[in-house]
C-alpha cells in the first residue's frame, strides 16, 4: 500500500499541538526512523567537530563525511559507528522517500536500538 504523504502534515500538527486528527501509525513510524538517524548523525557530527576539531562540510556532503571518518578508523568501535550510521541512513531514505516500506515497525524498533548504541558509544570515546 502506498503511503499517504499528507499524514506527515497531520503528524506535524500533532507534534505542534494543533492536531484535529491523530496521525497514522505509519507516519509516526516513518518519523521515528528518520529522527533516530538524525539523532545519531548529529551526535556523531558534533563529536567530530567539537571534540576532534574536524571541519565538517556545511552541505549534504556532511553525511558521507561523518560516516567515512568513522568507517576509516582503525578502532573497531568507531568503525561500527560508521557502519551503523550507514544502516540508519539507508532506512531513513526508505522512510522519507519510498511510497511503501515493508516491515516498517521492525525497522523502527531496530533503528531506535542502533541509534541508541551510536550515541552511547560516542559518550565512551
Protein backbone atom coordinates (compact mmCIF):
# COMPACT_ATOMS: atom_id res chain seq x y z
CA UNK A 1 0.00 0.00 0.00
CA UNK A 2 1.24 3.46 -0.87
CA UNK A 3 1.88 5.87 1.99
CA UNK A 4 -0.40 8.91 2.18
CA UNK A 5 2.21 11.65 2.47
CA UNK A 6 -0.33 14.11 3.87
CA UNK A 7 -0.14 12.02 7.07
CA UNK A 8 3.13 13.85 7.74
CA UNK A 9 1.20 17.11 7.95
CA UNK A 10 -1.15 15.54 10.49
CA UNK A 11 1.85 14.38 12.49
CA UNK A 12 3.45 17.82 12.28
CA UNK A 13 0.20 19.35 13.53
CA UNK A 14 0.01 16.77 16.30
CA UNK A 15 3.58 17.45 17.39
CA UNK A 16 2.88 21.19 17.36
CA UNK A 17 -0.24 20.72 19.47
CA UNK A 18 -2.51 21.78 16.61
CA UNK A 19 -3.92 18.38 15.64
CA UNK A 20 -7.51 17.97 14.58
CA UNK A 21 -6.98 14.27 13.87
CA UNK A 22 -4.19 12.00 15.05
CA UNK A 23 -1.54 11.00 12.52
CA UNK A 24 -1.40 7.41 11.29
CA UNK A 25 0.87 4.87 12.92
CA UNK A 26 2.81 4.63 9.66
CA UNK A 27 3.58 8.36 9.73
CA UNK A 28 4.78 8.02 13.31
CA UNK A 29 6.98 5.03 12.50
CA UNK A 30 8.46 6.76 9.45
CA UNK A 31 9.23 9.82 11.53
CA UNK A 32 10.74 7.62 14.24
CA UNK A 33 13.15 6.08 11.72
CA UNK A 34 14.07 9.50 10.36
CA UNK A 35 14.58 11.12 13.76
CA UNK A 36 16.62 8.14 15.01
CA UNK A 37 19.02 8.66 12.10
CA UNK A 38 19.32 12.39 12.70
CA UNK A 39 19.85 11.94 16.43
CA UNK A 40 22.77 9.58 15.80
CA UNK A 41 24.16 11.55 12.85
CA UNK A 42 24.11 14.91 14.64
CA UNK A 43 25.70 13.49 17.78
CA UNK A 44 28.45 11.91 15.63
CA UNK A 45 28.91 15.08 13.58
CA UNK A 46 29.16 17.22 16.70
CA UNK A 47 31.59 14.78 18.29
CA UNK A 48 33.90 15.03 15.29
CA UNK A 49 33.64 18.82 15.20
CA UNK A 50 33.61 19.69 18.90
CA UNK A 51 35.91 17.01 20.32
CA UNK A 52 38.24 16.21 17.43
CA UNK A 53 38.22 19.53 15.57
CA UNK A 54 37.07 18.24 12.18
CA UNK A 55 35.84 20.79 9.66
CA UNK A 56 32.51 19.29 8.71
CA UNK A 57 31.08 20.24 5.30
CA UNK A 58 28.09 22.57 5.58
CA UNK A 59 26.33 20.79 2.71
CA UNK A 60 24.69 17.42 2.33
CA UNK A 61 28.21 16.02 1.97
CA UNK A 62 28.44 16.17 5.76
CA UNK A 63 26.53 12.89 5.99
CA UNK A 64 29.05 10.96 3.89
CA UNK A 65 31.98 12.74 5.51
CA UNK A 66 30.92 11.79 9.05
CA UNK A 67 30.21 8.17 8.12
CA UNK A 68 33.51 7.86 6.27
CA UNK A 69 35.61 9.32 9.09
CA UNK A 70 34.25 6.70 11.46
CA UNK A 71 34.39 3.83 8.93
CA UNK A 72 38.06 4.51 8.11
CA UNK A 73 39.16 4.42 11.74
CA UNK A 74 41.49 1.65 12.92
CA UNK A 75 39.33 1.45 16.07
CA UNK A 76 36.62 -1.21 15.83
CA UNK A 77 34.01 0.68 17.87
CA UNK A 78 34.45 3.77 15.68
CA UNK A 79 34.09 1.69 12.50
CA UNK A 80 30.90 0.26 13.94
CA UNK A 81 29.56 3.79 14.44
CA UNK A 82 30.20 4.49 10.75
CA UNK A 83 28.54 1.25 9.67
CA UNK A 84 25.58 1.89 11.94
CA UNK A 85 25.18 5.39 10.51
CA UNK A 86 25.14 3.80 7.04
CA UNK A 87 22.37 1.43 8.09
CA UNK A 88 20.35 4.21 9.71
CA UNK A 89 20.75 6.43 6.63
CA UNK A 90 19.54 3.70 4.29
CA UNK A 91 16.48 3.14 6.44
CA UNK A 92 15.87 6.89 6.75
CA UNK A 93 15.90 7.23 2.98
CA UNK A 94 13.32 4.46 2.73
CA UNK A 95 11.12 6.10 5.36
CA UNK A 96 11.46 9.57 3.88
CA UNK A 97 11.13 8.76 0.17
CA UNK A 98 9.61 5.36 -0.56
CA UNK A 99 5.85 5.12 -1.05
CA UNK A 100 5.80 1.68 0.55
CA UNK A 101 8.15 0.27 3.20
CA UNK A 102 7.80 -3.38 4.16
CA UNK A 103 8.43 -4.25 7.81
CA UNK A 104 8.41 -0.63 8.94
CA UNK A 105 7.57 -1.47 12.55
CA UNK A 106 10.57 -3.81 12.81
CA UNK A 107 12.82 -1.32 11.05
CA UNK A 108 11.82 1.40 13.51
CA UNK A 109 12.45 -0.82 16.51
CA UNK A 110 15.88 -1.89 15.25
CA UNK A 111 16.86 1.65 14.25
CA UNK A 112 15.98 3.03 17.67
CA UNK A 113 18.31 0.46 19.19
CA UNK A 114 21.08 1.22 16.70
CA UNK A 115 20.78 4.98 17.24
CA UNK A 116 20.96 4.49 20.99
CA UNK A 117 24.06 2.34 20.54
CA UNK A 118 25.76 5.01 18.40
CA UNK A 119 25.00 7.72 20.94
CA UNK A 120 26.12 5.55 23.83
CA UNK A 121 29.37 4.55 22.11
CA UNK A 122 30.16 8.20 21.34
CA UNK A 123 29.92 9.02 25.02
CA UNK A 124 32.65 6.48 25.79
CA UNK A 125 35.14 7.51 23.09
